[in-house]
Amino acid sequence: MSAIYRKVKSEDNSYLATIIRNIIEEFDAPRTGTVYSDESTDHLYELFETPNSILWVAEVEGEPVGCCGIFPTEGLDEGYCELVKFYISSSVRGRGIGKDLMLKSIDSAKEMGYENVYLESLPHFSKAIAMYEESGFKTLDTQLGNSGHSSCNVWMVKNVN
């Protein structure tokens, strides 16, 4: 039961929106000021048609089980992108799929010419934050860019040169 990694397809939209919202509920994270309430969460394929963005999907036995990507979030400085939509279904956690998705996304950022990868998170996702730290992300004192995610209060950045 190994994972296949591929770019997002339009038929993934409802699967991924369900996974993302289920995880926010599972961890009792805020529904407002997060991806939970973003209209774009229901239209990820269309969102990631934006130039210099990509959304990787992990698929197990023909079904999406998680995603992670990079996006040129409005308001970020030149050379920065944001690591976004990083969610892994509870059925496959602990098998390295999340780390693989994150690393694929960081590699994509490098290939697209970004120098820094920024992310926003919540204390609710402490295991993910520990993985970011292990991967070289450093904590920031303030939010960068205009993600619209006012509830997120963990901000990190990694230089990928």
N, C-alpha and C. Protein backbone atom coordinates (compact mmCIF):
# COMPACT_ATOMS: atom_id res chain seq x y z
N MET A 1 0.84 -1.19 0.00
CA MET A 1 0.00 0.00 0.00
C MET A 1 0.88 1.25 0.00
N SER A 2 1.53 1.49 -1.14
CA SER A 2 2.41 2.66 -1.22
C SER A 2 1.67 3.82 -1.89
N ALA A 3 2.21 4.99 -1.68
CA ALA A 3 1.58 6.20 -2.20
C ALA A 3 2.13 6.55 -3.57
N ILE A 4 1.25 7.13 -4.36
CA ILE A 4 1.62 7.71 -5.65
C ILE A 4 1.52 9.23 -5.45
N TYR A 5 2.50 9.96 -5.96
CA TYR A 5 2.51 11.41 -5.84
C TYR A 5 2.30 12.01 -7.22
N ARG A 6 1.34 12.92 -7.31
CA ARG A 6 0.99 13.53 -8.59
C ARG A 6 0.44 14.93 -8.36
N LYS A 7 0.32 15.67 -9.45
CA LYS A 7 -0.27 17.01 -9.38
C LYS A 7 -1.78 16.89 -9.22
N VAL A 8 -2.38 17.90 -8.60
CA VAL A 8 -3.82 17.93 -8.36
C VAL A 8 -4.60 17.86 -9.67
N LYS A 9 -5.73 17.15 -9.64
CA LYS A 9 -6.66 17.06 -10.77
C LYS A 9 -8.00 17.65 -10.32
N SER A 10 -8.83 18.06 -11.27
CA SER A 10 -10.11 18.67 -10.91
C SER A 10 -10.99 17.72 -10.11
N GLU A 11 -10.91 16.42 -10.38
CA GLU A 11 -11.75 15.47 -9.64
C GLU A 11 -11.30 15.28 -8.19
N ASP A 12 -10.16 15.85 -7.81
CA ASP A 12 -9.68 15.78 -6.42
C ASP A 12 -10.37 16.80 -5.52
N ASN A 13 -11.00 17.81 -6.09
CA ASN A 13 -11.51 18.94 -5.29
C ASN A 13 -12.32 18.51 -4.08
N SER A 14 -13.35 17.70 -4.25
CA SER A 14 -14.21 17.37 -3.11
C SER A 14 -13.50 16.48 -2.11
N TYR A 15 -12.66 15.54 -2.58
CA TYR A 15 -11.88 14.69 -1.67
C TYR A 15 -11.00 15.54 -0.77
N LEU A 16 -10.25 16.46 -1.39
CA LEU A 16 -9.28 17.25 -0.63
C LEU A 16 -9.98 18.22 0.32
N ALA A 17 -11.06 18.84 -0.11
CA ALA A 17 -11.80 19.74 0.78
C ALA A 17 -12.29 18.98 2.01
N THR A 18 -12.77 17.77 1.80
CA THR A 18 -13.25 16.94 2.92
C THR A 18 -12.10 16.59 3.86
N ILE A 19 -10.96 16.17 3.30
CA ILE A 19 -9.79 15.82 4.13
C ILE A 19 -9.38 17.03 4.97
N ILE A 20 -9.24 18.19 4.32
CA ILE A 20 -8.78 19.40 5.02
C ILE A 20 -9.72 19.76 6.16
N ARG A 21 -11.00 19.80 5.89
CA ARG A 21 -11.96 20.21 6.92
C ARG A 21 -12.05 19.16 8.03
N ASN A 22 -11.97 17.88 7.68
CA ASN A 22 -11.99 16.84 8.71
C ASN A 22 -10.80 16.97 9.66
N ILE A 23 -9.64 17.30 9.12
CA ILE A 23 -8.43 17.43 9.96
C ILE A 23 -8.56 18.65 10.88
N ILE A 24 -9.06 19.75 10.37
CA ILE A 24 -9.25 20.94 11.22
C ILE A 24 -10.20 20.58 12.37
N GLU A 25 -11.26 19.84 12.07
CA GLU A 25 -12.19 19.41 13.11
C GLU A 25 -11.53 18.42 14.07
N GLU A 26 -10.77 17.46 13.53
CA GLU A 26 -10.10 16.45 14.35
C GLU A 26 -9.20 17.08 15.40
N PHE A 27 -8.48 18.14 15.01
CA PHE A 27 -7.54 18.80 15.91
C PHE A 27 -8.17 19.98 16.64
N ASP A 28 -9.47 20.15 16.47
CA ASP A 28 -10.21 21.24 17.11
C ASP A 28 -9.55 22.60 16.86
N ALA A 29 -9.10 22.78 15.63
CA ALA A 29 -8.49 24.04 15.22
C ALA A 29 -9.58 25.04 14.81
N PRO A 30 -9.27 26.32 14.79
CA PRO A 30 -10.27 27.32 14.43
C PRO A 30 -10.84 27.10 13.03
N ARG A 31 -12.14 27.34 12.90
CA ARG A 31 -12.80 27.22 11.59
C ARG A 31 -12.73 28.54 10.83
N THR A 32 -12.72 29.66 11.55
CA THR A 32 -12.64 30.96 10.89
C THR A 32 -11.19 31.45 10.92
N GLY A 33 -10.84 32.22 9.91
CA GLY A 33 -9.47 32.73 9.83
C GLY A 33 -8.48 31.64 9.46
N THR A 34 -8.98 30.53 8.89
CA THR A 34 -8.13 29.43 8.43
C THR A 34 -8.64 28.94 7.09
N VAL A 35 -7.93 27.98 6.54
CA VAL A 35 -8.31 27.36 5.26
C VAL A 35 -9.70 26.72 5.34
N TYR A 36 -10.15 26.39 6.54
CA TYR A 36 -11.46 25.76 6.72
C TYR A 36 -12.57 26.59 6.08
N SER A 37 -12.49 27.89 6.25
CA SER A 37 -13.56 28.77 5.75
C SER A 37 -13.23 29.42 4.41
N ASP A 38 -12.07 29.13 3.83
CA ASP A 38 -11.71 29.70 2.52
C ASP A 38 -12.59 29.08 1.43
N GLU A 39 -13.16 29.92 0.60
CA GLU A 39 -13.94 29.41 -0.54
C GLU A 39 -13.05 28.56 -1.46
N SER A 40 -11.78 28.94 -1.59
CA SER A 40 -10.86 28.24 -2.49
C SER A 40 -10.61 26.79 -2.07
N THR A 41 -10.89 26.43 -0.82
CA THR A 41 -10.68 25.06 -0.36
C THR A 41 -11.53 24.07 -1.16
N ASP A 42 -12.64 24.53 -1.68
CA ASP A 42 -13.49 23.67 -2.51
C ASP A 42 -13.08 23.66 -3.97
N HIS A 43 -12.08 24.46 -4.33
CA HIS A 43 -11.68 24.61 -5.73
C HIS A 43 -10.15 24.61 -5.84
N LEU A 44 -9.50 23.63 -5.24
CA LEU A 44 -8.03 23.63 -5.21
C LEU A 44 -7.42 23.46 -6.60
N TYR A 45 -8.02 22.64 -7.44
CA TYR A 45 -7.48 22.47 -8.79
C TYR A 45 -7.41 23.83 -9.49
N GLU A 46 -8.50 24.58 -9.42
CA GLU A 46 -8.54 25.89 -10.08
C GLU A 46 -7.56 26.86 -9.43
N LEU A 47 -7.48 26.86 -8.11
CA LEU A 47 -6.55 27.74 -7.41
C LEU A 47 -5.11 27.50 -7.87
N PHE A 48 -4.76 26.23 -8.03
CA PHE A 48 -3.37 25.90 -8.37
C PHE A 48 -3.09 25.93 -9.87
N GLU A 49 -4.00 26.55 -10.63
CA GLU A 49 -3.68 26.92 -12.01
C GLU A 49 -2.94 28.25 -12.03
N THR A 50 -2.85 28.90 -10.86
CA THR A 50 -2.10 30.15 -10.72
C THR A 50 -0.63 29.90 -11.11
N PRO A 51 -0.04 30.78 -11.93
CA PRO A 51 1.37 30.59 -12.29
C PRO A 51 2.27 30.52 -11.05
N ASN A 52 3.34 29.75 -11.14
CA ASN A 52 4.33 29.57 -10.08
C ASN A 52 3.73 28.98 -8.81
N SER A 53 2.73 28.11 -8.98
CA SER A 53 2.16 27.37 -7.87
C SER A 53 2.05 25.91 -8.28
N ILE A 54 1.96 25.03 -7.29
CA ILE A 54 1.75 23.60 -7.55
C ILE A 54 1.14 22.99 -6.30
N LEU A 55 0.26 22.03 -6.51
CA LEU A 55 -0.28 21.26 -5.40
C LEU A 55 -0.04 19.79 -5.69
N TRP A 56 0.75 19.16 -4.81
CA TRP A 56 1.02 17.73 -4.90
C TRP A 56 -0.04 16.97 -4.11
N VAL A 57 -0.47 15.87 -4.67
CA VAL A 57 -1.47 15.02 -4.03
C VAL A 57 -0.87 13.64 -3.83
N ALA A 58 -1.07 13.08 -2.65
CA ALA A 58 -0.69 11.69 -2.38
C ALA A 58 -1.94 10.85 -2.57
N GLU A 59 -1.78 9.77 -3.30
CA GLU A 59 -2.90 8.88 -3.59
C GLU A 59 -2.53 7.48 -3.12
N VAL A 60 -3.43 6.83 -2.41
CA VAL A 60 -3.24 5.44 -1.97
C VAL A 60 -4.46 4.65 -2.42
N GLU A 61 -4.20 3.57 -3.11
CA GLU A 61 -5.28 2.71 -3.62
C GLU A 61 -6.32 3.51 -4.39
N GLY A 62 -5.85 4.44 -5.22
CA GLY A 62 -6.72 5.18 -6.11
C GLY A 62 -7.45 6.36 -5.51
N GLU A 63 -7.20 6.66 -4.25
CA GLU A 63 -7.91 7.76 -3.60
C GLU A 63 -6.94 8.77 -2.98
N PRO A 64 -7.22 10.08 -3.13
CA PRO A 64 -6.36 11.07 -2.48
C PRO A 64 -6.39 10.92 -0.96
N VAL A 65 -5.20 10.99 -0.35
CA VAL A 65 -5.10 10.88 1.12
C VAL A 65 -4.39 12.09 1.73
N GLY A 66 -3.96 13.02 0.90
CA GLY A 66 -3.30 14.20 1.42
C GLY A 66 -2.79 15.09 0.31
N CYS A 67 -2.35 16.29 0.72
CA CYS A 67 -1.85 17.25 -0.25
C CYS A 67 -0.89 18.22 0.42
N CYS A 68 -0.09 18.86 -0.40
CA CYS A 68 0.83 19.91 0.05
C CYS A 68 1.32 20.63 -1.20
N GLY A 69 1.44 21.94 -1.11
CA GLY A 69 1.90 22.67 -2.27
C GLY A 69 2.56 23.97 -1.91
N ILE A 70 2.88 24.71 -2.97
CA ILE A 70 3.44 26.04 -2.78
C ILE A 70 2.64 27.02 -3.62
N PHE A 71 2.57 28.24 -3.10
CA PHE A 71 1.72 29.25 -3.72
C PHE A 71 2.37 30.62 -3.54
N PRO A 72 2.29 31.46 -4.58
CA PRO A 72 2.84 32.82 -4.48
C PRO A 72 1.86 33.75 -3.76
N THR A 73 1.73 33.57 -2.48
CA THR A 73 0.76 34.32 -1.67
C THR A 73 0.95 35.82 -1.83
N GLU A 74 -0.15 36.51 -2.00
CA GLU A 74 -0.15 37.96 -2.15
C GLU A 74 0.56 38.62 -0.97
N GLY A 75 1.41 39.59 -1.29
CA GLY A 75 2.06 40.37 -0.24
C GLY A 75 3.40 39.83 0.21
N LEU A 76 3.78 38.63 -0.25
CA LEU A 76 5.10 38.11 0.13
C LEU A 76 6.18 38.84 -0.68
N ASP A 77 7.35 38.97 -0.08
CA ASP A 77 8.48 39.60 -0.76
C ASP A 77 8.91 38.77 -1.96
N GLU A 78 9.60 39.41 -2.87
CA GLU A 78 10.20 38.75 -4.03
C GLU A 78 11.04 37.55 -3.57
N GLY A 79 10.91 36.44 -4.26
CA GLY A 79 11.69 35.26 -3.93
C GLY A 79 11.05 34.36 -2.88
N TYR A 80 9.89 34.77 -2.35
CA TYR A 80 9.19 33.99 -1.33
C TYR A 80 7.94 33.32 -1.93
N CYS A 81 7.67 32.10 -1.46
CA CYS A 81 6.40 31.46 -1.71
C CYS A 81 5.93 30.90 -0.38
N GLU A 82 4.68 30.43 -0.36
CA GLU A 82 4.15 29.87 0.88
C GLU A 82 3.89 28.38 0.71
N LEU A 83 4.29 27.61 1.70
CA LEU A 83 3.94 26.18 1.77
C LEU A 83 2.49 26.14 2.25
N VAL A 84 1.61 25.56 1.46
CA VAL A 84 0.17 25.65 1.74
C VAL A 84 -0.53 24.30 1.60
N LYS A 85 -1.74 24.25 2.17
CA LYS A 85 -2.65 23.11 2.01
C LYS A 85 -1.97 21.79 2.36
N PHE A 86 -1.23 21.78 3.46
CA PHE A 86 -0.50 20.59 3.89
C PHE A 86 -1.35 19.82 4.89
N TYR A 87 -2.05 18.82 4.37
CA TYR A 87 -2.96 18.01 5.19
C TYR A 87 -2.86 16.55 4.79
N ILE A 88 -2.78 15.67 5.79
CA ILE A 88 -2.66 14.23 5.57
C ILE A 88 -3.77 13.51 6.33
N SER A 89 -4.49 12.67 5.63
CA SER A 89 -5.57 11.89 6.25
C SER A 89 -5.04 11.04 7.40
N SER A 90 -5.82 10.96 8.46
CA SER A 90 -5.39 10.19 9.64
C SER A 90 -5.11 8.73 9.30
N SER A 91 -5.73 8.22 8.25
CA SER A 91 -5.55 6.81 7.89
C SER A 91 -4.14 6.48 7.41
N VAL A 92 -3.37 7.48 7.03
CA VAL A 92 -2.01 7.21 6.50
C VAL A 92 -0.92 7.98 7.24
N ARG A 93 -1.23 8.65 8.32
CA ARG A 93 -0.19 9.39 9.06
C ARG A 93 0.83 8.43 9.65
N GLY A 94 2.05 8.95 9.79
CA GLY A 94 3.12 8.16 10.39
C GLY A 94 3.84 7.25 9.42
N ARG A 95 3.54 7.37 8.14
CA ARG A 95 4.17 6.51 7.13
C ARG A 95 5.12 7.27 6.22
N GLY A 96 5.37 8.54 6.52
CA GLY A 96 6.31 9.33 5.72
C GLY A 96 5.69 10.03 4.53
N ILE A 97 4.40 9.84 4.32
CA ILE A 97 3.74 10.45 3.17
C ILE A 97 3.75 11.97 3.29
N GLY A 98 3.48 12.50 4.48
CA GLY A 98 3.50 13.94 4.69
C GLY A 98 4.87 14.53 4.42
N LYS A 99 5.89 13.90 4.95
CA LYS A 99 7.25 14.41 4.73
C LYS A 99 7.59 14.39 3.25
N ASP A 100 7.22 13.30 2.56
CA ASP A 100 7.47 13.23 1.11
C ASP A 100 6.77 14.37 0.37
N LEU A 101 5.52 14.63 0.73
CA LEU A 101 4.78 15.73 0.09
C LEU A 101 5.45 17.07 0.36
N MET A 102 5.87 17.29 1.61
CA MET A 102 6.52 18.54 1.95
C MET A 102 7.82 18.71 1.15
N LEU A 103 8.63 17.65 1.09
CA LEU A 103 9.90 17.73 0.37
C LEU A 103 9.68 17.94 -1.12
N LYS A 104 8.67 17.30 -1.70
CA LYS A 104 8.35 17.52 -3.11
C LYS A 104 7.97 18.98 -3.34
N SER A 105 7.22 19.54 -2.42
CA SER A 105 6.80 20.93 -2.54
C SER A 105 8.01 21.87 -2.45
N ILE A 106 8.91 21.60 -1.51
CA ILE A 106 10.12 22.43 -1.37
C ILE A 106 10.98 22.31 -2.62
N ASP A 107 11.12 21.09 -3.16
CA ASP A 107 11.87 20.91 -4.41
C ASP A 107 11.23 21.71 -5.55
N SER A 108 9.90 21.71 -5.61
CA SER A 108 9.19 22.48 -6.63
C SER A 108 9.47 23.97 -6.47
N ALA A 109 9.50 24.43 -5.22
CA ALA A 109 9.80 25.85 -4.97
C ALA A 109 11.17 26.21 -5.53
N LYS A 110 12.16 25.36 -5.27
CA LYS A 110 13.52 25.60 -5.80
C LYS A 110 13.49 25.64 -7.32
N GLU A 111 12.81 24.64 -7.95
CA GLU A 111 12.75 24.56 -9.41
C GLU A 111 12.08 25.79 -10.01
N MET A 112 11.13 26.39 -9.30
CA MET A 112 10.44 27.58 -9.78
C MET A 112 11.21 28.86 -9.49
N GLY A 113 12.36 28.73 -8.84
CA GLY A 113 13.22 29.88 -8.60
C GLY A 113 12.97 30.62 -7.30
N TYR A 114 12.15 30.08 -6.43
CA TYR A 114 11.95 30.71 -5.13
C TYR A 114 13.19 30.51 -4.26
N GLU A 115 13.46 31.47 -3.40
CA GLU A 115 14.61 31.39 -2.50
C GLU A 115 14.20 31.05 -1.07
N ASN A 116 12.97 31.39 -0.70
CA ASN A 116 12.48 31.16 0.66
C ASN A 116 11.08 30.58 0.63
N VAL A 117 10.84 29.63 1.51
CA VAL A 117 9.52 29.05 1.67
C VAL A 117 9.00 29.45 3.05
N TYR A 118 7.85 30.09 3.05
CA TYR A 118 7.20 30.59 4.25
C TYR A 118 6.01 29.69 4.55
N LEU A 119 5.64 29.57 5.82
CA LEU A 119 4.43 28.83 6.14
C LEU A 119 3.77 29.42 7.37
N GLU A 120 2.47 29.12 7.48
CA GLU A 120 1.67 29.51 8.63
C GLU A 120 1.02 28.27 9.20
N SER A 121 0.95 28.19 10.52
CA SER A 121 0.35 27.03 11.15
C SER A 121 -0.31 27.46 12.46
N LEU A 122 -0.70 26.45 13.21
CA LEU A 122 -1.35 26.64 14.51
C LEU A 122 -0.71 25.69 15.52
N PRO A 123 -0.68 26.06 16.80
CA PRO A 123 -0.13 25.16 17.82
C PRO A 123 -0.83 23.80 17.84
N HIS A 124 -2.06 23.73 17.35
CA HIS A 124 -2.81 22.46 17.29
C HIS A 124 -2.05 21.40 16.50
N PHE A 125 -1.22 21.85 15.56
CA PHE A 125 -0.51 20.93 14.67
C PHE A 125 0.96 20.79 15.10
N SER A 126 1.17 20.44 16.36
CA SER A 126 2.52 20.42 16.93
C SER A 126 3.42 19.40 16.25
N LYS A 127 2.89 18.26 15.81
CA LYS A 127 3.73 17.26 15.12
C LYS A 127 4.24 17.81 13.80
N ALA A 128 3.38 18.51 13.09
CA ALA A 128 3.82 19.13 11.83
C ALA A 128 4.87 20.20 12.10
N ILE A 129 4.66 21.01 13.13
CA ILE A 129 5.63 22.06 13.47
C ILE A 129 6.98 21.45 13.81
N ALA A 130 6.98 20.34 14.54
CA ALA A 130 8.25 19.65 14.85
C ALA A 130 8.93 19.18 13.56
N MET A 131 8.15 18.69 12.61
CA MET A 131 8.72 18.25 11.33
C MET A 131 9.29 19.44 10.57
N TYR A 132 8.61 20.58 10.60
CA TYR A 132 9.14 21.78 9.93
C TYR A 132 10.49 22.16 10.54
N GLU A 133 10.54 22.16 11.87
CA GLU A 133 11.79 22.53 12.55
C GLU A 133 12.91 21.56 12.17
N GLU A 134 12.62 20.27 12.16
CA GLU A 134 13.63 19.27 11.76
C GLU A 134 14.10 19.47 10.33
N SER A 135 13.24 20.05 9.51
CA SER A 135 13.55 20.27 8.09
C SER A 135 14.21 21.62 7.84
N GLY A 136 14.50 22.37 8.90
CA GLY A 136 15.24 23.61 8.76
C GLY A 136 14.42 24.88 8.76
N PHE A 137 13.12 24.80 9.01
CA PHE A 137 12.31 26.01 9.12
C PHE A 137 12.61 26.71 10.44
N LYS A 138 12.66 28.04 10.39
CA LYS A 138 12.91 28.86 11.57
C LYS A 138 11.66 29.67 11.89
N THR A 139 11.37 29.80 13.18
CA THR A 139 10.20 30.54 13.63
C THR A 139 10.39 32.04 13.45
N LEU A 140 9.33 32.70 13.02
CA LEU A 140 9.31 34.16 12.86
C LEU A 140 8.44 34.77 13.95
N ASP A 141 8.66 36.06 14.21
CA ASP A 141 7.88 36.78 15.23
C ASP A 141 6.61 37.39 14.65
N THR A 142 6.51 37.43 13.33
CA THR A 142 5.38 38.10 12.70
C THR A 142 4.98 37.42 11.41
N GLN A 143 3.75 37.63 11.02
CA GLN A 143 3.20 37.08 9.80
C GLN A 143 3.78 37.81 8.59
N LEU A 144 3.97 37.07 7.50
CA LEU A 144 4.39 37.66 6.23
C LEU A 144 3.24 37.52 5.23
N GLY A 145 3.17 38.44 4.29
CA GLY A 145 2.16 38.33 3.24
C GLY A 145 0.74 38.52 3.74
N ASN A 146 -0.20 38.25 2.83
CA ASN A 146 -1.62 38.48 3.09
C ASN A 146 -2.43 37.22 2.82
N SER A 147 -2.20 36.18 3.59
CA SER A 147 -2.90 34.91 3.38
C SER A 147 -4.38 35.00 3.75
N GLY A 148 -4.72 35.94 4.62
CA GLY A 148 -6.08 36.03 5.10
C GLY A 148 -6.37 35.09 6.26
N HIS A 149 -5.35 34.36 6.71
CA HIS A 149 -5.54 33.39 7.79
C HIS A 149 -5.17 34.01 9.13
N SER A 150 -6.07 34.82 9.61
CA SER A 150 -5.82 35.60 10.83
C SER A 150 -5.72 34.75 12.09
N SER A 151 -6.24 33.53 12.07
CA SER A 151 -6.16 32.67 13.25
C SER A 151 -4.80 31.98 13.38
N CYS A 152 -4.06 31.89 12.29
CA CYS A 152 -2.74 31.24 12.35
C CYS A 152 -1.79 32.13 13.14
N ASN A 153 -1.07 31.52 14.09
CA ASN A 153 -0.15 32.32 14.90
C ASN A 153 1.23 31.67 15.05
N VAL A 154 1.51 30.72 14.17
CA VAL A 154 2.85 30.14 14.06
C VAL A 154 3.32 30.45 12.63
N TRP A 155 4.43 31.18 12.53
CA TRP A 155 4.95 31.59 11.23
C TRP A 155 6.40 31.11 11.15
N MET A 156 6.75 30.50 10.01
CA MET A 156 8.09 29.95 9.86
C MET A 156 8.58 30.20 8.44
N VAL A 157 9.90 30.17 8.28
CA VAL A 157 10.50 30.36 6.96
C VAL A 157 11.74 29.50 6.84
N LYS A 158 12.01 29.07 5.61
CA LYS A 158 13.21 28.28 5.31
C LYS A 158 13.82 28.81 4.02
N ASN A 159 15.14 29.07 4.05
CA ASN A 159 15.86 29.41 2.85
C ASN A 159 16.14 28.13 2.09
N VAL A 160 15.83 28.10 0.81
CA VAL A 160 15.97 26.86 0.03
C VAL A 160 17.06 26.94 -1.03
N ASN A 161 17.90 27.97 -0.97
CA ASN A 161 19.03 28.07 -1.92
C ASN A 161 20.07 27.02 -1.65
